Amino acid sequence: MREFTARFATDQEIADWDAHVTANPHGGNLLQSASFAEVKADHGWRPLHLVHEPVGGGKASYNLVLEKTVPALGRLWYMIKGPDVASVDDIPGIAAANARLVAAQRLNVFAIKIEPDVLDSDYAKGVLARAGLKKSFDIQPNDSTAILATDRDEEAVLKSLHSRGRNAVRRALREGCTVERVELTEQNMRRMYALMDTVGQGEANVNLRSYEYYAKFWTAFEQAGQGRLYFTYEDGEPSVGAYVIAYGTKGTYKDGGSKPRRRQYGDSHLLQWTAITDLMREHGIVEYDFCGTPPSDRLKDKEHPYYGLGLFKTSFTKSVVDFVGVHDQVLSPAKYAVWTNVAEKVQRQLWVRRTGQPFY
């Protein structure tokens, strides 16, 4: 186990935040970005910027932390999609560094939720358990997800698609389906939100946030040159929409929506293919995250809320990966017990009632 130190980033490091995050051992994650920090700052969280450095030298890890204050308990930290580590073996050292930082600066943090993009395995679970980290419920939809390798030329990537997806793309092209990258206007954002909120989208949309949240999210990433919106049309109106992001060398299908009972076959597949190839050409992405499927052992489970989404996304790639998900680093056992037994449920209910938004 390597030993790490933890400190808050300097003003200059924060100004160059995305460059640092995308240089992390695994290339960072869009949910660690400066744009996402800006979004969450407007929705109840205080963004903090931590730097974890190996003792004795080596590549540092830059990690966004979201903070909320819980009455009577203190502060809760959420290290969203982090820490970014070269190996799960580095997480105990980073957790220890977190504890030292909190104690030295008397930060009154009672627990830290960590969410590293570490592949799930018995070994990884053992490392986290031996470090005293407690498995919690997963928060982000892509703790299981389909990832397409895009580190080849377009023809090779097209040939690598599952036959269902490849045939759908080719048929849509033959039948004259068109995809447009559209300007992020108020009208187009409203149209996109309406597609996401269409009746018939299924249970996967139970956590749909407010329009204002998505508008802030889309605008922040678009202004950073990282996000873009695509539509296909039927009868002059958008029928399929997707908002995609390029962050470092990673592309992500962040948000999508569509009208049911469309006439165009393969329109959603062609939209994805257009977005993927655009990001390959313009940003040099080496992978594309379809952002959420059922776990790999539940892909055929029709009761899973992401079953339909999983069918669509695995028509591009069968590479479904499962990450270890959320684990809690307990810094105050007494306060953490109150949090998990009573306070968290109350806080989540109060937050939804007051804001209409999910707590996390």
Protein backbone atom coordinates (compact mmCIF):
# COMPACT_ATOMS: atom_id res chain seq x y z
CA MET A 1 0.00 0.00 0.00
CA ARG A 2 1.36 3.40 -0.98
CA GLU A 3 1.12 6.28 1.45
CA PHE A 4 -0.47 9.56 0.28
CA THR A 5 -0.84 13.10 1.52
CA ALA A 6 -4.01 15.13 1.02
CA ARG A 7 -4.33 18.89 0.66
CA PHE A 8 -6.68 21.44 -0.83
CA ALA A 9 -5.79 22.63 -4.32
CA THR A 10 -4.23 26.04 -4.83
CA ASP A 11 -6.09 28.79 -6.65
CA GLN A 12 -3.94 28.18 -9.72
CA GLU A 13 -4.65 24.46 -9.64
CA ILE A 14 -8.38 25.17 -9.45
CA ALA A 15 -8.09 27.56 -12.39
CA ASP A 16 -6.48 24.72 -14.38
CA TRP A 17 -8.69 22.05 -12.83
CA ASP A 18 -9.76 20.15 -15.96
CA ALA A 19 -6.18 19.83 -17.17
CA HIS A 20 -5.21 18.26 -13.84
CA VAL A 21 -8.22 15.92 -13.66
CA THR A 22 -7.80 14.62 -17.19
CA ALA A 23 -4.15 13.89 -16.37
CA ASN A 24 -5.20 11.61 -13.50
CA PRO A 25 -4.15 7.94 -13.63
CA HIS A 26 -7.38 6.89 -15.40
CA GLY A 27 -8.08 10.14 -17.21
CA GLY A 28 -10.64 11.58 -14.82
CA ASN A 29 -14.41 11.65 -15.13
CA LEU A 30 -16.77 14.37 -16.32
CA LEU A 31 -18.41 14.36 -12.87
CA GLN A 32 -15.08 15.56 -11.43
CA SER A 33 -14.91 18.47 -13.86
CA ALA A 34 -14.96 22.21 -13.30
CA SER A 35 -18.27 22.39 -15.17
CA PHE A 36 -19.91 19.85 -12.90
CA ALA A 37 -18.58 21.62 -9.82
CA GLU A 38 -20.29 24.77 -11.11
CA VAL A 39 -23.57 22.89 -11.57
CA LYS A 40 -23.55 21.34 -8.10
CA ALA A 41 -22.64 24.67 -6.49
CA ASP A 42 -26.01 25.92 -7.74
CA HIS A 43 -27.82 22.89 -6.35
CA GLY A 44 -27.01 22.59 -2.69
CA TRP A 45 -23.40 21.39 -2.63
CA ARG A 46 -20.14 23.14 -1.83
CA PRO A 47 -17.40 22.03 -4.25
CA LEU A 48 -13.98 21.31 -2.75
CA HIS A 49 -10.86 20.46 -4.70
CA LEU A 50 -8.49 17.90 -3.18
CA VAL A 51 -5.04 16.84 -4.30
CA HIS A 52 -3.68 13.44 -3.26
CA GLU A 53 0.07 13.02 -3.71
CA PRO A 54 2.06 9.79 -3.26
CA VAL A 55 4.73 10.03 -0.59
CA GLY A 56 8.08 9.60 -2.28
CA GLY A 57 6.91 10.92 -5.63
CA GLY A 58 4.65 9.87 -8.44
CA LYS A 59 1.55 11.13 -10.24
CA ALA A 60 -0.89 13.09 -8.09
CA SER A 61 -4.63 12.49 -8.18
CA TYR A 62 -6.93 15.52 -8.38
CA ASN A 63 -10.40 14.83 -6.98
CA LEU A 64 -13.59 16.86 -6.73
CA VAL A 65 -15.38 16.60 -3.40
CA LEU A 66 -18.95 17.77 -2.84
CA GLU A 67 -19.82 18.90 0.68
CA LYS A 68 -23.13 19.27 2.50
CA THR A 69 -23.65 20.33 6.10
CA VAL A 70 -26.03 18.11 8.08
CA PRO A 71 -27.62 19.72 11.16
CA ALA A 72 -26.28 18.33 14.46
CA LEU A 73 -23.91 15.93 12.69
CA GLY A 74 -21.43 18.07 10.77
CA ARG A 75 -20.22 17.73 7.21
CA LEU A 76 -20.74 14.97 4.69
CA TRP A 77 -18.25 14.65 1.82
CA TYR A 78 -19.03 12.94 -1.47
CA MET A 79 -15.93 12.19 -3.55
CA ILE A 80 -17.95 11.76 -6.71
CA LYS A 81 -16.45 9.26 -9.18
CA GLY A 82 -13.25 9.37 -7.21
CA PRO A 83 -10.61 8.97 -6.09
CA ASP A 84 -9.03 8.38 -9.48
CA VAL A 85 -6.32 5.83 -8.77
CA ALA A 86 -3.91 3.69 -10.74
CA SER A 87 -4.93 0.66 -8.66
CA VAL A 88 -7.48 -0.20 -5.98
CA ASP A 89 -4.43 -0.78 -3.76
CA ASP A 90 -3.99 3.01 -3.59
CA ILE A 91 -7.40 3.64 -2.04
CA PRO A 92 -6.47 2.74 1.57
CA GLY A 93 -3.61 5.24 1.42
CA ILE A 94 -5.88 7.96 0.06
CA ALA A 95 -8.53 7.20 2.68
CA ALA A 96 -5.91 7.51 5.42
CA ALA A 97 -4.77 10.83 3.94
CA ASN A 98 -8.37 12.07 3.94
CA ALA A 99 -8.72 11.21 7.64
CA ARG A 100 -5.49 13.02 8.52
CA LEU A 101 -6.54 16.14 6.59
CA VAL A 102 -9.96 16.25 8.28
CA ALA A 103 -8.43 15.79 11.74
CA ALA A 104 -5.57 18.25 11.26
CA GLN A 105 -7.85 21.03 9.99
CA ARG A 106 -10.77 20.19 12.32
CA LEU A 107 -13.17 20.05 9.40
CA ASN A 108 -15.95 18.23 11.30
CA VAL A 109 -16.53 15.69 8.52
CA PHE A 110 -18.32 12.62 9.90
CA ALA A 111 -18.20 10.50 6.70
CA ILE A 112 -16.78 10.52 3.19
CA LYS A 113 -18.58 8.75 0.37
CA ILE A 114 -16.08 7.51 -2.21
CA GLU A 115 -17.01 6.24 -5.67
CA PRO A 116 -13.90 5.19 -7.59
CA ASP A 117 -14.07 3.89 -11.16
CA VAL A 118 -12.43 0.67 -10.01
CA LEU A 119 -13.64 -2.55 -11.63
CA ASP A 120 -15.64 -4.74 -9.31
CA SER A 121 -13.92 -7.93 -8.21
CA ASP A 122 -13.52 -10.04 -5.10
CA TYR A 123 -10.00 -8.66 -4.75
CA ALA A 124 -11.19 -5.03 -4.96
CA LYS A 125 -13.95 -5.67 -2.44
CA GLY A 126 -11.42 -7.21 -0.08
CA VAL A 127 -9.07 -4.23 -0.31
CA LEU A 128 -11.89 -1.78 0.45
CA ALA A 129 -13.25 -3.88 3.29
CA ARG A 130 -9.84 -4.24 4.92
CA ALA A 131 -9.48 -0.45 4.73
CA GLY A 132 -12.63 -0.14 6.83
CA LEU A 133 -14.78 1.19 4.01
CA LYS A 134 -18.47 0.24 4.17
CA LYS A 135 -20.45 -0.59 1.02
CA SER A 136 -23.36 1.81 0.54
CA PHE A 137 -26.06 2.14 -2.10
CA ASP A 138 -24.93 3.23 -5.55
CA ILE A 139 -25.75 6.77 -6.63
CA GLN A 140 -24.67 7.29 -10.24
CA PRO A 141 -26.38 5.39 -13.07
CA ASN A 142 -23.12 4.29 -14.68
CA ASP A 143 -21.69 2.20 -11.87
CA SER A 144 -22.56 -0.48 -14.42
CA THR A 145 -22.23 0.70 -17.99
CA ALA A 146 -21.50 -0.21 -21.60
CA ILE A 147 -18.22 1.17 -22.94
CA LEU A 148 -17.25 1.21 -26.61
CA ALA A 149 -13.56 1.33 -27.55
CA THR A 150 -13.03 4.15 -30.07
CA ASP A 151 -9.24 4.05 -30.34
CA ARG A 152 -9.35 2.81 -33.97
CA ASP A 153 -10.45 4.25 -37.29
CA GLU A 154 -14.17 4.73 -37.96
CA GLU A 155 -14.55 1.68 -40.19
CA ALA A 156 -12.91 -0.56 -37.60
CA VAL A 157 -15.13 0.86 -34.84
CA LEU A 158 -18.25 0.36 -37.00
CA LYS A 159 -17.27 -3.24 -37.64
CA SER A 160 -16.73 -3.73 -33.89
CA LEU A 161 -20.35 -2.86 -33.10
CA HIS A 162 -22.76 -5.62 -32.24
CA SER A 163 -24.54 -6.72 -35.43
CA ARG A 164 -27.88 -5.27 -34.22
CA GLY A 165 -26.39 -1.82 -33.82
CA ARG A 166 -24.29 -1.93 -36.96
CA ASN A 167 -27.26 -3.04 -39.09
CA ALA A 168 -29.48 -0.34 -37.59
CA VAL A 169 -26.92 2.36 -38.40
CA ARG A 170 -26.55 1.18 -41.98
CA ARG A 171 -30.30 0.88 -42.55
CA ALA A 172 -30.94 4.37 -41.18
CA LEU A 173 -28.31 5.73 -43.57
CA ARG A 174 -29.84 3.88 -46.52
CA GLU A 175 -33.30 5.17 -45.72
CA GLY A 176 -32.16 8.80 -45.54
CA CYS A 177 -32.39 9.43 -41.82
CA THR A 178 -30.55 12.63 -40.88
CA VAL A 179 -28.94 13.73 -37.64
CA GLU A 180 -28.18 17.33 -36.74
CA ARG A 181 -25.99 18.86 -34.11
CA VAL A 182 -28.12 21.78 -32.94
CA GLU A 183 -27.44 25.03 -31.18
CA LEU A 184 -28.07 24.99 -27.44
CA THR A 185 -30.92 27.51 -27.47
CA GLU A 186 -33.67 27.78 -24.89
CA GLN A 187 -36.10 26.28 -27.42
CA ASN A 188 -33.85 23.32 -28.15
CA MET A 189 -33.19 22.68 -24.47
CA ARG A 190 -36.95 22.71 -23.83
CA ARG A 191 -37.41 20.28 -26.71
CA MET A 192 -34.74 17.99 -25.33
CA TYR A 193 -36.27 18.01 -21.87
CA ALA A 194 -39.68 17.19 -23.34
CA LEU A 195 -38.18 14.16 -25.11
CA MET A 196 -36.62 13.02 -21.84
CA ASP A 197 -39.96 13.44 -20.07
CA THR A 198 -42.05 11.72 -22.75
CA VAL A 199 -44.62 9.27 -21.47
CA GLY A 200 -43.43 5.79 -22.35
CA GLN A 201 -39.74 6.39 -21.64
CA GLY A 202 -40.00 3.85 -18.83
CA GLU A 203 -39.07 3.56 -15.20
CA ALA A 204 -35.47 4.60 -15.81
CA ASN A 205 -36.65 8.21 -15.77
CA VAL A 206 -37.91 8.11 -12.18
CA ASN A 207 -35.05 10.39 -11.13
CA LEU A 208 -35.56 13.00 -13.83
CA ARG A 209 -34.49 16.31 -12.36
CA SER A 210 -35.98 19.72 -13.06
CA TYR A 211 -35.57 21.49 -16.38
CA GLU A 212 -33.52 24.17 -14.62
CA TYR A 213 -30.99 21.59 -13.46
CA TYR A 214 -30.49 20.15 -16.95
CA ALA A 215 -30.36 23.59 -18.55
CA LYS A 216 -27.59 24.60 -16.13
CA PHE A 217 -25.75 21.32 -16.75
CA TRP A 218 -25.97 21.45 -20.54
CA THR A 219 -25.02 25.14 -20.66
CA ALA A 220 -22.01 24.74 -18.36
CA PHE A 221 -20.51 21.91 -20.41
CA GLU A 222 -21.35 23.57 -23.73
CA GLN A 223 -19.65 26.80 -22.66
CA ALA A 224 -16.56 24.78 -21.69
CA GLY A 225 -16.47 23.33 -25.22
CA GLN A 226 -17.22 19.86 -23.87
CA GLY A 227 -20.95 19.28 -24.49
CA ARG A 228 -23.19 19.18 -27.54
CA LEU A 229 -26.80 18.41 -28.42
CA TYR A 230 -28.07 16.27 -31.31
CA PHE A 231 -31.56 15.72 -32.76
CA THR A 232 -33.23 13.58 -35.38
CA TYR A 233 -36.63 14.67 -36.66
CA GLU A 234 -40.00 13.34 -37.76
CA ASP A 235 -42.67 15.61 -39.23
CA GLY A 236 -40.45 18.61 -38.59
CA GLU A 237 -40.18 18.03 -34.84
CA PRO A 238 -37.35 16.45 -32.83
CA SER A 239 -38.06 12.75 -32.33
CA VAL A 240 -34.77 11.62 -30.73
CA GLY A 241 -32.34 13.74 -28.75
CA ALA A 242 -28.99 13.15 -27.10
CA TYR A 243 -26.62 15.34 -25.12
CA VAL A 244 -23.06 14.03 -25.25
CA ILE A 245 -19.83 15.16 -23.63
CA ALA A 246 -16.14 14.92 -24.47
CA TYR A 247 -13.96 15.12 -21.38
CA GLY A 248 -10.30 14.43 -21.94
CA THR A 249 -10.11 11.28 -24.06
CA LYS A 250 -13.51 10.01 -22.93
CA GLY A 251 -16.87 10.50 -24.59
CA THR A 252 -20.13 10.08 -22.66
CA TYR A 253 -23.77 9.75 -23.68
CA LYS A 254 -25.06 11.85 -20.79
CA ASP A 255 -28.76 12.43 -21.52
CA GLY A 256 -31.21 11.05 -24.03
CA GLY A 257 -34.89 11.02 -24.90
CA SER A 258 -37.19 9.98 -27.70
CA LYS A 259 -40.79 9.85 -28.85
CA PRO A 260 -42.40 6.40 -28.79
CA ARG A 261 -43.78 4.68 -31.89
CA ARG A 262 -41.47 6.41 -34.35
CA ARG A 263 -41.51 5.43 -38.03
CA GLN A 264 -37.77 5.77 -38.72
CA TYR A 265 -35.88 2.57 -38.08
CA GLY A 266 -32.43 3.00 -36.56
CA ASP A 267 -32.73 6.75 -35.95
CA SER A 268 -31.46 6.54 -32.37
CA HIS A 269 -28.59 4.30 -33.48
CA LEU A 270 -27.56 6.70 -36.22
CA LEU A 271 -27.71 9.61 -33.79
CA GLN A 272 -25.33 7.80 -31.44
CA TRP A 273 -23.03 6.82 -34.28
CA THR A 274 -22.92 10.43 -35.51
CA ALA A 275 -22.07 11.70 -32.04
CA ILE A 276 -19.41 9.03 -31.54
CA THR A 277 -17.65 9.72 -34.83
CA ASP A 278 -17.83 13.49 -34.30
CA LEU A 279 -16.12 13.11 -30.92
CA MET A 280 -13.54 10.78 -32.43
CA ARG A 281 -12.67 13.29 -35.16
CA GLU A 282 -12.81 16.47 -33.11
CA HIS A 283 -11.65 15.33 -29.66
CA GLY A 284 -9.77 12.09 -30.27
CA ILE A 285 -11.80 10.11 -27.74
CA VAL A 286 -10.56 6.58 -27.11
CA GLU A 287 -13.70 5.31 -25.40
CA TYR A 288 -17.41 6.14 -25.34
CA ASP A 289 -19.47 5.53 -22.20
CA PHE A 290 -23.16 4.84 -22.82
CA CYS A 291 -23.73 5.84 -19.19
CA GLY A 292 -25.79 3.22 -17.48
CA THR A 293 -26.98 -0.36 -17.97
CA PRO A 294 -28.13 -3.08 -15.61
CA PRO A 295 -25.24 -4.91 -13.93
CA SER A 296 -23.57 -7.41 -16.23
CA ASP A 297 -25.29 -10.32 -14.49
CA ARG A 298 -28.75 -8.76 -14.86
CA LEU A 299 -28.76 -7.70 -18.51
CA LYS A 300 -31.56 -10.18 -19.28
CA ASP A 301 -33.61 -9.29 -16.21
CA LYS A 302 -36.77 -7.63 -17.56
CA GLU A 303 -37.64 -6.37 -14.09
CA HIS A 304 -34.55 -4.16 -13.90
CA PRO A 305 -35.47 -0.47 -14.50
CA TYR A 306 -32.62 -0.12 -17.02
CA TYR A 307 -33.53 -3.26 -18.97
CA GLY A 308 -34.76 -1.39 -22.08
CA LEU A 309 -31.85 1.03 -22.00
CA GLY A 310 -29.49 -1.90 -21.63
CA LEU A 311 -30.90 -3.56 -24.75
CA PHE A 312 -30.25 -0.42 -26.77
CA LYS A 313 -26.79 0.28 -25.40
CA THR A 314 -25.55 -3.29 -25.72
CA SER A 315 -26.57 -3.23 -29.38
CA PHE A 316 -23.38 -1.17 -29.77
CA THR A 317 -21.04 -3.08 -27.48
CA LYS A 318 -21.19 -6.12 -25.25
CA SER A 319 -18.45 -4.62 -23.07
CA VAL A 320 -20.51 -4.02 -19.93
CA VAL A 321 -18.36 -3.19 -16.92
CA ASP A 322 -19.29 -3.12 -13.26
CA PHE A 323 -17.51 -0.73 -10.91
CA VAL A 324 -17.25 -1.17 -7.13
CA GLY A 325 -19.79 1.61 -6.52
CA VAL A 326 -20.13 3.75 -3.42
CA HIS A 327 -18.30 3.00 -0.18
CA ASP A 328 -18.41 5.08 2.99
CA GLN A 329 -15.32 6.10 4.92
CA VAL A 330 -16.56 6.50 8.49
CA LEU A 331 -14.78 9.21 10.46
CA SER A 332 -17.22 9.45 13.38
CA PRO A 333 -18.89 6.08 14.08
CA ALA A 334 -21.53 7.56 16.42
CA LYS A 335 -22.58 10.28 13.99
CA TYR A 336 -22.45 7.87 11.07
CA ALA A 337 -24.82 5.51 12.89
CA VAL A 338 -27.30 8.35 13.38
CA TRP A 339 -26.89 9.27 9.71
CA THR A 340 -27.49 5.81 8.30
CA ASN A 341 -30.27 4.84 10.73
CA VAL A 342 -32.31 8.05 10.74
CA ALA A 343 -30.85 11.30 9.49
CA GLU A 344 -30.05 10.38 5.89
CA LYS A 345 -33.61 9.31 5.11
CA VAL A 346 -34.99 12.45 6.78
CA GLN A 347 -32.54 14.75 4.99
CA ARG A 348 -33.30 13.19 1.60
CA GLN A 349 -37.05 13.54 2.13
CA LEU A 350 -36.74 17.14 3.30
CA TRP A 351 -34.49 18.01 0.38
CA VAL A 352 -36.89 16.56 -2.19
CA ARG A 353 -39.84 18.28 -0.54
CA ARG A 354 -38.06 21.64 -0.47
CA THR A 355 -36.37 21.59 -3.87
CA GLY A 356 -38.01 18.86 -5.93
CA GLN A 357 -34.52 17.50 -6.64
CA PRO A 358 -32.75 14.31 -5.57
CA PHE A 359 -30.49 14.80 -2.53
CA TYR A 360 -27.42 13.52 -4.35
